[in-house]
N, C-alpha and C. Protein backbone atom coordinates (compact mmCIF):
# COMPACT_ATOMS: atom_id res chain seq x y z
N MET A 1 -31.37 3.27 -12.40
CA MET A 1 -30.63 3.92 -11.68
C MET A 1 -30.84 4.60 -10.53
N THR A 2 -30.84 4.05 -9.27
CA THR A 2 -31.11 4.20 -7.95
C THR A 2 -30.07 5.04 -7.48
N GLY A 3 -30.26 5.93 -6.23
CA GLY A 3 -29.45 6.82 -5.73
C GLY A 3 -28.60 7.73 -6.08
N SER A 4 -29.02 7.89 -7.45
CA SER A 4 -27.61 8.81 -8.02
C SER A 4 -28.60 10.25 -7.91
N ALA A 5 -27.98 11.06 -7.63
CA ALA A 5 -28.98 12.57 -6.93
C ALA A 5 -28.65 13.58 -8.20
N ILE A 6 -29.45 13.93 -9.24
CA ILE A 6 -29.63 14.88 -10.13
C ILE A 6 -29.94 16.21 -9.40
N TYR A 7 -31.14 16.15 -8.13
CA TYR A 7 -30.75 17.19 -7.61
C TYR A 7 -29.94 17.38 -6.17
N PRO A 8 -29.42 18.13 -5.80
CA PRO A 8 -28.65 17.96 -4.60
C PRO A 8 -29.24 17.68 -3.03
N GLN A 9 -30.19 18.37 -3.16
CA GLN A 9 -30.69 18.13 -2.03
C GLN A 9 -31.58 16.86 -1.67
N PHE A 10 -31.45 15.67 -2.43
CA PHE A 10 -31.78 14.60 -2.90
C PHE A 10 -30.72 13.39 -2.27
N GLU A 11 -29.25 13.49 -2.20
CA GLU A 11 -28.48 13.30 -2.32
C GLU A 11 -28.38 11.99 -1.20
N GLY A 12 -27.94 11.27 -1.30
CA GLY A 12 -28.55 9.92 -0.28
C GLY A 12 -29.28 9.23 0.07
N LEU A 13 -30.39 9.74 -1.07
CA LEU A 13 -31.84 9.34 -0.73
C LEU A 13 -31.95 8.52 -1.77
N LYS A 14 -32.28 6.92 -1.72
CA LYS A 14 -32.82 5.97 -3.34
C LYS A 14 -33.42 6.32 -3.51
N LEU A 15 -33.46 7.61 -5.04
CA LEU A 15 -34.60 8.28 -5.89
C LEU A 15 -33.65 7.92 -7.13
N THR A 16 -35.18 7.40 -8.32
CA THR A 16 -34.31 7.36 -9.78
C THR A 16 -34.32 9.06 -10.22
N ALA A 17 -34.05 9.17 -11.04
CA ALA A 17 -34.04 10.07 -11.40
C ALA A 17 -35.14 10.77 -12.11
N LYS A 18 -36.24 9.79 -12.66
CA LYS A 18 -37.34 9.97 -12.93
C LYS A 18 -38.43 10.49 -11.46
N GLN A 19 -38.04 9.53 -10.35
CA GLN A 19 -38.82 10.10 -8.62
C GLN A 19 -38.24 11.23 -8.47
N GLN A 20 -37.32 11.52 -8.57
CA GLN A 20 -36.62 13.07 -8.22
C GLN A 20 -37.42 14.15 -8.84
N GLU A 21 -37.44 14.07 -9.94
CA GLU A 21 -37.98 14.70 -10.98
C GLU A 21 -39.69 14.62 -10.93
N PHE A 22 -40.43 13.51 -10.64
CA PHE A 22 -41.38 13.64 -9.76
C PHE A 22 -42.16 14.59 -8.58
N VAL A 23 -40.74 14.49 -7.52
CA VAL A 23 -40.94 15.16 -6.26
C VAL A 23 -40.69 16.58 -6.95
N VAL A 24 -39.75 16.69 -7.42
CA VAL A 24 -40.26 18.64 -7.59
C VAL A 24 -40.80 19.13 -8.34
N LEU A 25 -41.51 18.52 -9.20
CA LEU A 25 -42.53 18.60 -9.81
C LEU A 25 -44.15 18.63 -8.56
N TYR A 26 -44.24 17.75 -8.22
CA TYR A 26 -45.30 17.90 -7.19
C TYR A 26 -45.07 19.03 -6.24
N CYS A 27 -44.28 19.35 -5.93
CA CYS A 27 -43.46 20.36 -5.08
C CYS A 27 -43.98 21.78 -5.63
N ARG A 28 -43.87 21.74 -6.96
CA ARG A 28 -43.85 23.31 -7.62
C ARG A 28 -45.43 24.07 -7.17
N PRO A 29 -45.99 25.39 -7.03
CA PRO A 29 -46.55 25.98 -6.46
C PRO A 29 -47.55 25.53 -8.50
N ASP A 30 -47.21 25.74 -9.19
CA ASP A 30 -47.84 25.38 -10.14
C ASP A 30 -48.39 24.08 -10.58
N MET A 31 -48.18 23.20 -9.73
CA MET A 31 -48.74 22.22 -10.02
C MET A 31 -49.85 21.61 -9.01
N GLY A 32 -49.70 22.60 -7.95
CA GLY A 32 -50.63 22.61 -6.70
C GLY A 32 -51.05 20.82 -6.46
N PHE A 33 -49.65 20.39 -5.92
CA PHE A 33 -49.38 19.33 -5.41
C PHE A 33 -50.45 18.15 -5.67
N ASN A 34 -50.61 18.21 -7.26
CA ASN A 34 -51.21 17.36 -7.99
C ASN A 34 -50.74 16.36 -8.58
N ALA A 35 -50.67 15.06 -7.71
CA ALA A 35 -49.26 13.99 -8.01
C ALA A 35 -49.64 13.21 -9.06
N ALA A 36 -50.91 13.30 -9.79
CA ALA A 36 -51.10 12.40 -11.36
C ALA A 36 -50.37 13.35 -12.18
N ARG A 37 -50.82 14.65 -11.92
CA ARG A 37 -50.32 15.27 -13.35
C ARG A 37 -48.33 15.66 -12.66
N ALA A 38 -48.06 15.62 -11.96
CA ALA A 38 -46.42 15.69 -11.69
C ALA A 38 -46.07 14.28 -12.51
N TYR A 39 -46.76 12.92 -12.39
CA TYR A 39 -46.33 11.86 -12.25
C TYR A 39 -46.28 11.80 -14.08
N ARG A 40 -47.51 12.25 -14.69
CA ARG A 40 -47.49 12.11 -16.31
C ARG A 40 -46.35 13.14 -16.51
N LYS A 41 -46.17 14.20 -15.90
CA LYS A 41 -44.83 15.05 -16.68
C LYS A 41 -43.58 14.47 -16.21
N ALA A 42 -43.45 13.99 -15.53
CA ALA A 42 -41.98 13.29 -14.75
C ALA A 42 -41.50 12.27 -15.56
N TYR A 43 -42.50 11.49 -16.02
CA TYR A 43 -42.45 10.03 -16.36
C TYR A 43 -43.19 10.36 -18.18
N GLY A 44 -43.20 11.39 -18.66
CA GLY A 44 -43.63 11.43 -20.25
C GLY A 44 -44.76 10.88 -20.69
N LEU A 45 -45.74 11.16 -19.67
CA LEU A 45 -46.90 10.09 -20.25
C LEU A 45 -48.02 11.15 -21.02
N SER A 46 -48.93 10.80 -21.22
CA SER A 46 -50.13 11.60 -22.26
C SER A 46 -50.75 11.77 -21.01
N THR A 47 -52.06 12.78 -21.60
CA THR A 47 -53.01 12.75 -20.57
C THR A 47 -53.89 11.66 -20.67
N LYS A 48 -53.91 11.15 -21.39
CA LYS A 48 -54.88 9.53 -22.27
C LYS A 48 -54.31 8.63 -20.85
N ASP A 49 -53.47 8.97 -20.71
CA ASP A 49 -53.24 7.79 -19.70
C ASP A 49 -53.48 8.43 -18.17
N SER A 50 -54.26 8.92 -18.24
CA SER A 50 -54.89 9.49 -16.64
C SER A 50 -54.94 8.68 -15.78
N GLU A 51 -55.76 7.62 -15.87
CA GLU A 51 -56.16 6.99 -14.57
C GLU A 51 -55.00 5.90 -13.96
N SER A 52 -53.95 5.61 -15.30
CA SER A 52 -52.62 4.60 -14.75
C SER A 52 -51.82 5.86 -14.02
N ALA A 53 -51.82 7.38 -14.47
CA ALA A 53 -50.85 8.12 -13.71
C ALA A 53 -51.52 8.13 -12.37
N LYS A 54 -52.78 8.37 -12.44
CA LYS A 54 -53.04 8.83 -10.84
C LYS A 54 -53.12 7.28 -9.67
N ARG A 55 -53.02 5.80 -10.59
CA ARG A 55 -52.48 4.90 -9.36
C ARG A 55 -51.20 4.65 -9.48
N SER A 56 -50.35 5.07 -10.53
CA SER A 56 -48.87 5.06 -10.17
C SER A 56 -48.53 6.31 -9.18
N ALA A 57 -49.30 7.04 -9.15
CA ALA A 57 -48.83 8.83 -8.80
C ALA A 57 -49.08 8.32 -7.00
N SER A 58 -50.11 7.55 -7.32
CA SER A 58 -50.39 7.37 -5.70
C SER A 58 -49.97 6.32 -4.81
N ARG A 59 -49.33 5.33 -5.60
CA ARG A 59 -48.28 4.32 -5.41
C ARG A 59 -47.04 4.86 -4.54
N LEU A 60 -46.37 5.97 -5.54
CA LEU A 60 -45.19 5.88 -5.27
C LEU A 60 -45.27 7.58 -4.15
N LEU A 61 -46.53 8.19 -3.87
CA LEU A 61 -46.74 8.64 -2.85
C LEU A 61 -46.40 7.65 -1.87
N THR A 62 -46.46 6.60 -1.66
CA THR A 62 -46.44 5.99 -0.21
C THR A 62 -45.16 5.39 -0.15
N LYS A 63 -44.22 5.23 -0.80
CA LYS A 63 -42.98 4.88 -0.32
C LYS A 63 -42.04 6.44 0.57
N VAL A 64 -41.41 5.63 1.55
CA VAL A 64 -41.24 6.67 2.38
C VAL A 64 -39.79 7.27 1.62
N HIS A 65 -39.09 6.69 1.11
CA HIS A 65 -38.09 7.34 0.30
C HIS A 65 -38.74 8.63 -0.59
N VAL A 66 -39.68 8.88 -0.90
CA VAL A 66 -40.36 9.41 -1.95
C VAL A 66 -41.19 10.39 -1.17
N SER A 67 -41.67 9.96 0.03
CA SER A 67 -42.61 11.22 0.93
C SER A 67 -41.47 11.47 1.84
N THR A 68 -40.10 11.37 2.17
CA THR A 68 -39.23 12.30 2.72
C THR A 68 -38.61 13.16 2.10
N ALA A 69 -38.52 12.80 0.18
CA ALA A 69 -38.07 14.04 -0.31
C ALA A 69 -39.11 14.85 -0.54
N ILE A 70 -40.15 14.72 -0.82
CA ILE A 70 -41.28 15.79 -0.53
C ILE A 70 -41.13 16.65 0.79
N HIS A 71 -40.96 16.47 1.46
CA HIS A 71 -40.76 16.90 3.02
C HIS A 71 -39.04 17.82 2.60
N ILE A 72 -38.07 17.03 2.08
CA ILE A 72 -37.38 17.76 2.15
C ILE A 72 -37.22 19.12 0.91
N GLU A 73 -37.83 19.03 0.11
CA GLU A 73 -38.43 19.89 -1.12
C GLU A 73 -39.22 20.82 -1.29
N CYS A 74 -40.42 20.30 -0.45
CA CYS A 74 -41.56 21.72 -0.16
C CYS A 74 -40.27 22.69 1.58
N SER A 75 -39.51 21.99 2.23
CA SER A 75 -39.13 22.82 3.35
C SER A 75 -37.89 23.72 2.49
N ARG A 76 -37.35 23.34 1.64
CA ARG A 76 -36.28 24.35 0.98
C ARG A 76 -37.08 25.12 0.18
N ARG A 77 -38.38 24.86 -0.34
CA ARG A 77 -39.11 25.59 -1.23
C ARG A 77 -39.22 26.66 -0.59
N LEU A 78 -39.86 26.56 1.14
CA LEU A 78 -40.33 27.58 2.08
C LEU A 78 -39.30 28.34 2.12
N ALA A 79 -38.60 27.60 2.54
CA ALA A 79 -37.27 28.93 2.90
C ALA A 79 -36.54 29.67 2.26
N LEU A 80 -36.62 29.37 0.75
CA LEU A 80 -36.44 29.71 0.08
C LEU A 80 -37.71 31.13 -0.38
N HIS A 81 -38.52 30.86 -0.19
CA HIS A 81 -39.79 31.78 -0.01
C HIS A 81 -39.64 32.67 0.93
N ASP A 82 -39.32 31.92 2.06
CA ASP A 82 -38.76 33.17 3.04
C ASP A 82 -38.18 34.16 2.77
N ASP A 83 -37.09 33.65 2.03
CA ASP A 83 -35.62 34.85 1.94
C ASP A 83 -35.95 35.67 0.91
N ILE A 84 -36.58 35.26 -0.11
CA ILE A 84 -37.12 36.34 -0.74
C ILE A 84 -38.40 37.27 -0.29
N ALA A 85 -39.23 37.00 0.90
CA ALA A 85 -40.21 37.99 1.06
C ALA A 85 -39.66 38.74 1.90
N ARG A 86 -38.11 38.18 2.66
CA ARG A 86 -37.88 39.16 3.54
C ARG A 86 -36.53 40.26 2.60
N GLN A 87 -36.28 39.49 1.54
CA GLN A 87 -35.56 40.56 0.68
C GLN A 87 -36.39 41.80 0.11
N VAL A 88 -37.79 41.10 -0.19
CA VAL A 88 -38.35 42.40 -0.76
C VAL A 88 -38.93 42.97 0.17
N MET A 89 -39.38 42.35 1.93
CA MET A 89 -39.32 43.72 2.48
C MET A 89 -38.51 44.75 3.06
N ALA A 90 -37.50 44.09 2.81
CA ALA A 90 -36.03 44.63 2.97
C ALA A 90 -35.74 46.05 2.22
N GLU A 91 -36.39 45.92 0.67
CA GLU A 91 -36.50 46.73 -0.22
C GLU A 91 -37.52 48.09 -0.03
N TRP A 92 -38.90 47.32 0.49
CA TRP A 92 -39.87 47.92 0.43
C TRP A 92 -39.32 49.18 1.34
N TYR A 93 -38.78 48.79 2.95
CA TYR A 93 -38.22 49.46 3.84
C TYR A 93 -37.80 50.48 3.47
N LYS A 94 -36.43 50.12 2.41
CA LYS A 94 -35.42 51.08 2.08
C LYS A 94 -35.96 52.12 1.33
N MET A 95 -37.35 51.73 0.57
CA MET A 95 -37.99 53.02 0.00
C MET A 95 -38.62 53.82 0.58
N MET A 96 -39.52 53.23 1.95
CA MET A 96 -40.03 53.79 2.76
C MET A 96 -39.18 54.72 3.55
N THR A 97 -38.24 54.27 3.76
CA THR A 97 -37.13 54.97 4.97
C THR A 97 -35.99 56.65 4.01
N LEU A 98 -36.45 56.36 2.54
CA LEU A 98 -35.34 57.53 1.82
C LEU A 98 -35.47 58.43 2.34
N ASP A 99 -33.77 59.17 2.85
CA ASP A 99 -33.91 60.63 2.57
C ASP A 99 -33.32 60.96 1.33
N ILE A 100 -34.24 62.00 0.63
CA ILE A 100 -34.41 62.48 -0.03
C ILE A 100 -33.02 63.05 -0.69
N PHE A 101 -32.74 64.06 0.70
CA PHE A 101 -31.72 64.64 0.57
C PHE A 101 -29.85 63.93 0.61
N SER A 102 -30.25 62.87 0.72
CA SER A 102 -29.10 61.82 0.54
C SER A 102 -29.09 61.56 -0.77
N VAL A 103 -29.72 62.28 -1.59
CA VAL A 103 -29.50 62.25 -3.04
C VAL A 103 -29.80 63.53 -3.87
N LEU A 104 -29.91 64.28 -3.48
CA LEU A 104 -30.45 65.59 -3.96
C LEU A 104 -29.66 67.00 -2.84
N THR A 105 -29.24 67.87 -3.28
CA THR A 105 -29.03 68.67 -2.24
C THR A 105 -29.94 70.47 -3.15
N ILE A 106 -29.87 71.46 -1.57
CA ILE A 106 -30.27 72.80 -2.54
C ILE A 106 -29.04 73.31 -2.12
N GLU A 107 -28.51 74.36 -3.45
CA GLU A 107 -27.48 75.22 -3.61
C GLU A 107 -28.09 76.58 -3.89
N GLY A 108 -28.03 77.61 -3.36
CA GLY A 108 -28.73 78.80 -4.26
C GLY A 108 -30.38 78.79 -4.31
N GLY A 109 -31.06 78.26 -3.40
CA GLY A 109 -32.92 77.66 -3.71
C GLY A 109 -32.75 76.92 -5.01
N VAL A 110 -31.62 76.48 -5.52
CA VAL A 110 -31.62 75.29 -6.57
C VAL A 110 -32.19 73.94 -5.95
N VAL A 111 -32.64 73.27 -6.50
CA VAL A 111 -32.48 71.19 -5.87
C VAL A 111 -31.49 70.81 -6.96
N LYS A 112 -30.53 70.25 -6.54
CA LYS A 112 -29.31 69.67 -7.76
C LYS A 112 -29.21 68.08 -7.27
N LEU A 113 -28.56 67.41 -7.68
CA LEU A 113 -28.23 66.08 -7.65
C LEU A 113 -26.92 66.06 -7.02
N ARG A 114 -26.82 65.64 -6.52
CA ARG A 114 -25.64 65.06 -5.85
C ARG A 114 -24.61 64.42 -6.49
N PRO A 115 -23.32 64.93 -6.73
CA PRO A 115 -22.11 63.49 -7.19
C PRO A 115 -22.76 62.14 -6.91
N LEU A 116 -22.64 61.28 -8.22
CA LEU A 116 -23.42 60.33 -7.66
C LEU A 116 -21.91 59.15 -6.54
N GLU A 117 -20.94 60.11 -6.63
CA GLU A 117 -19.90 58.98 -5.71
C GLU A 117 -20.53 59.54 -4.24
N GLU A 118 -21.09 60.52 -3.67
CA GLU A 118 -20.98 61.23 -2.56
C GLU A 118 -22.62 60.05 -2.37
N ILE A 119 -23.66 59.71 -3.35
CA ILE A 119 -24.95 58.79 -3.10
C ILE A 119 -24.73 57.55 -2.55
N PRO A 120 -25.00 57.03 -1.48
CA PRO A 120 -25.16 55.61 -0.80
C PRO A 120 -26.00 55.18 -1.67
N PRO A 121 -25.37 53.79 -1.68
CA PRO A 121 -25.59 52.85 -2.92
C PRO A 121 -27.54 52.58 -2.23
N VAL A 122 -27.57 52.27 -1.08
CA VAL A 122 -29.07 52.21 -0.72
C VAL A 122 -29.85 53.47 -1.20
N ALA A 123 -29.49 54.31 -1.38
CA ALA A 123 -30.32 55.45 -1.84
C ALA A 123 -30.60 55.19 -3.71
N LEU A 124 -29.12 55.46 -3.62
CA LEU A 124 -29.54 54.88 -5.38
C LEU A 124 -30.42 53.88 -6.03
N SER A 125 -30.65 52.65 -5.20
CA SER A 125 -31.45 51.71 -5.00
C SER A 125 -32.95 52.16 -5.13
N CYS A 126 -32.87 53.18 -4.94
CA CYS A 126 -34.63 54.00 -4.57
C CYS A 126 -34.75 54.74 -5.64
N ILE A 127 -33.78 54.88 -6.64
CA ILE A 127 -34.17 56.03 -8.14
C ILE A 127 -34.65 55.31 -9.30
N LYS A 128 -36.32 55.60 -9.34
CA LYS A 128 -36.21 54.82 -10.51
C LYS A 128 -35.65 55.30 -11.95
N GLU A 129 -36.02 56.83 -12.04
CA GLU A 129 -35.00 57.03 -13.30
C GLU A 129 -34.52 58.24 -13.41
N LEU A 130 -33.50 58.59 -14.15
CA LEU A 130 -32.80 59.87 -13.83
C LEU A 130 -33.09 60.46 -15.69
N HIS A 131 -33.33 61.66 -15.69
CA HIS A 131 -33.44 62.62 -17.01
C HIS A 131 -33.07 63.94 -17.20
N ASN A 132 -32.21 64.04 -18.19
CA ASN A 132 -31.72 65.16 -18.16
C ASN A 132 -32.94 66.29 -19.10
N THR A 133 -33.15 67.19 -18.48
CA THR A 133 -33.75 68.28 -18.73
C THR A 133 -33.41 69.85 -19.51
N GLN A 134 -33.90 70.54 -19.80
CA GLN A 134 -33.39 71.90 -20.01
C GLN A 134 -33.11 72.67 -18.52
N GLN A 135 -33.94 72.26 -17.66
CA GLN A 135 -33.74 72.75 -16.34
C GLN A 135 -32.70 71.75 -15.38
N GLY A 136 -32.01 70.77 -16.11
CA GLY A 136 -31.33 69.94 -15.26
C GLY A 136 -31.60 68.78 -15.18
N ILE A 137 -31.38 67.99 -14.22
CA ILE A 137 -31.85 66.62 -14.93
C ILE A 137 -32.68 66.36 -13.43
N SER A 138 -33.83 65.36 -14.14
CA SER A 138 -35.06 64.82 -12.93
C SER A 138 -34.91 63.04 -12.57
N VAL A 139 -35.34 63.78 -11.18
CA VAL A 139 -34.91 62.44 -10.83
C VAL A 139 -36.38 61.92 -10.35
N THR A 140 -36.65 60.52 -10.53
CA THR A 140 -38.19 60.01 -10.20
C THR A 140 -37.36 58.86 -9.38
N PHE A 141 -38.36 59.15 -8.17
CA PHE A 141 -38.00 57.96 -6.66
C PHE A 141 -38.93 57.17 -7.11
N MET A 142 -38.64 55.82 -6.71
CA MET A 142 -39.80 54.55 -6.07
C MET A 142 -40.95 54.78 -5.32
N ASP A 143 -41.76 54.81 -5.41
CA ASP A 143 -43.15 54.82 -4.86
C ASP A 143 -42.94 54.84 -3.69
N LYS A 144 -42.73 55.98 -2.96
CA LYS A 144 -42.75 55.24 -1.24
C LYS A 144 -44.05 55.26 -0.56
N HIS A 145 -44.71 55.85 -1.22
CA HIS A 145 -46.75 55.69 -0.92
C HIS A 145 -46.97 54.04 -0.81
N LYS A 146 -46.73 53.39 -2.26
CA LYS A 146 -46.42 52.15 -2.24
C LYS A 146 -46.18 51.39 -1.33
N ALA A 147 -44.85 51.66 -1.59
CA ALA A 147 -43.70 51.07 -0.57
C ALA A 147 -44.22 50.88 1.00
N MET A 148 -44.86 51.66 1.45
CA MET A 148 -45.38 51.60 2.73
C MET A 148 -46.73 51.18 3.10
N GLU A 149 -47.41 51.23 2.04
CA GLU A 149 -48.86 50.33 1.90
C GLU A 149 -48.52 48.89 1.68
N SER A 150 -47.10 48.65 0.77
CA SER A 150 -47.10 47.15 0.70
C SER A 150 -46.27 46.26 1.53
N LEU A 151 -45.25 46.85 2.42
CA LEU A 151 -44.88 46.19 3.41
C LEU A 151 -46.10 46.04 4.92
N ALA A 152 -47.16 47.85 4.74
CA ALA A 152 -48.00 47.66 5.71
C ALA A 152 -48.96 46.34 5.94
N LYS A 153 -48.96 46.03 4.32
CA LYS A 153 -49.89 44.58 4.10
C LYS A 153 -49.38 43.23 4.23
N ALA A 154 -48.18 43.31 3.88
CA ALA A 154 -46.95 42.17 4.75
C ALA A 154 -46.87 41.83 5.83
N LEU A 155 -47.10 43.37 6.92
CA LEU A 155 -47.01 43.02 8.33
C LEU A 155 -48.16 42.59 8.95
N GLY A 156 -49.47 42.86 7.97
CA GLY A 156 -50.30 42.70 8.53
C GLY A 156 -51.12 44.07 9.32
N VAL A 157 -50.52 44.98 9.07
CA VAL A 157 -51.51 46.34 9.14
C VAL A 157 -52.75 46.09 9.29
N TYR A 158 -53.10 46.13 8.35
CA TYR A 158 -54.13 46.21 7.67
C TYR A 158 -55.53 45.33 7.87
N SER A 159 -54.88 44.19 8.50
CA SER A 159 -56.14 43.03 8.42
C SER A 159 -56.23 43.09 10.02
N SER A 160 -58.04 43.14 9.79
CA SER A 160 -58.92 43.02 11.08
C SER A 160 -58.51 42.29 12.31
N SER A 161 -57.92 41.02 12.23
CA SER A 161 -57.22 40.33 13.02
C SER A 161 -56.19 40.37 13.52
N HIS A 162 -55.29 41.99 13.05
CA HIS A 162 -54.21 41.93 13.91
C HIS A 162 -54.29 42.60 15.21
N SER A 163 -53.12 42.15 16.03
CA SER A 163 -53.69 42.14 17.17
C SER A 163 -52.10 43.20 18.02
N GLN A 164 -52.30 43.56 19.17
CA GLN A 164 -51.09 44.14 19.39
C GLN A 164 -49.71 44.24 19.27
N THR A 165 -49.65 42.86 19.21
CA THR A 165 -48.15 42.26 18.91
C THR A 165 -47.87 42.34 17.38
N GLY A 166 -49.21 41.97 16.62
CA GLY A 166 -48.75 41.85 15.27
C GLY A 166 -48.15 40.11 14.59
N ASN A 167 -47.22 40.47 13.63
CA ASN A 167 -46.72 39.19 13.75
C ASN A 167 -44.98 39.71 14.04
N GLU A 168 -44.99 38.78 15.15
CA GLU A 168 -43.58 38.97 15.38
C GLU A 168 -42.41 38.89 14.73
N PRO A 169 -42.12 37.87 13.81
CA PRO A 169 -40.71 37.51 12.91
C PRO A 169 -40.78 38.79 12.52
N TYR A 170 -41.89 39.32 11.62
CA TYR A 170 -41.40 40.24 10.54
C TYR A 170 -41.88 41.99 11.41
N GLU A 171 -42.00 42.15 12.61
CA GLU A 171 -42.23 42.81 13.20
C GLU A 171 -40.63 43.43 13.68
N ALA A 172 -39.78 42.37 14.00
CA ALA A 172 -38.56 41.99 14.40
C ALA A 172 -37.83 42.16 13.09
N LEU A 173 -38.04 41.50 11.88
CA LEU A 173 -37.19 42.35 10.52
C LEU A 173 -37.30 43.74 10.28
N VAL A 174 -38.09 44.12 10.48
CA VAL A 174 -38.40 45.92 10.91
C VAL A 174 -37.32 46.58 11.82
N VAL A 175 -37.57 46.16 12.83
CA VAL A 175 -36.71 46.95 13.89
C VAL A 175 -35.18 46.67 13.15
N ARG A 176 -34.80 45.64 12.90
CA ARG A 176 -33.64 45.24 12.72
C ARG A 176 -32.81 46.06 11.32
N LEU A 177 -33.80 46.04 10.22
CA LEU A 177 -33.43 46.92 9.00
C LEU A 177 -33.55 48.26 9.27
N ALA A 178 -34.21 48.88 10.57
CA ALA A 178 -34.25 50.38 11.07
C ALA A 178 -32.94 50.63 11.52
N ARG A 179 -32.20 49.53 12.36
CA ARG A 179 -31.07 49.84 12.96
C ARG A 179 -30.05 49.64 12.22
N GLU A 180 -29.75 48.58 10.80
CA GLU A 180 -29.03 48.54 9.96
C GLU A 180 -28.69 49.51 8.94
N ASN A 181 -29.75 50.85 8.77
CA ASN A 181 -30.01 51.73 8.22
C ASN A 181 -30.55 53.05 8.89
N PRO A 182 -29.71 53.32 9.78
CA PRO A 182 -29.93 54.87 10.29
C PRO A 182 -29.98 56.07 9.35
N GLU A 183 -30.71 56.76 9.89
CA GLU A 183 -30.65 57.90 9.14
C GLU A 183 -29.66 59.06 9.33
């Protein structure tokens, strides 16, 4: 069964289902690019077949269509990782820049929760907990300091090798997020 893609990213490549499974397993972070291990798992071999798996995996890695598929799968995983990293940093940025008065108001010296329909969705996503108490509603926000620290680490602010320009793609992301979420 060659050429039938069970994974859409391999459409058009002449790979068997087991070869496709090998490629996906080989590129998984928990497999650590261990070809013999990925081969054993994809082909259903026991650990007793270790030497055979090493030889077969090594041969498989030399095939052009398999190495092409590995490149495609690794690129797909890197793109996914980058998207997730950007989403995480966007969430940290929201927490870091939250104006608590978009959630709370002060009326006659008493702090009150704004009506939910008045609270912007971005502010709602920064609320960790809401509790009814005898004094009213208690609001716990996500940890702003932790968000600032996490974002700073991701941007390399704490690194000793951080230059004046820093990590340009992520600096540009922070600037874009600031423009999209004006206060």
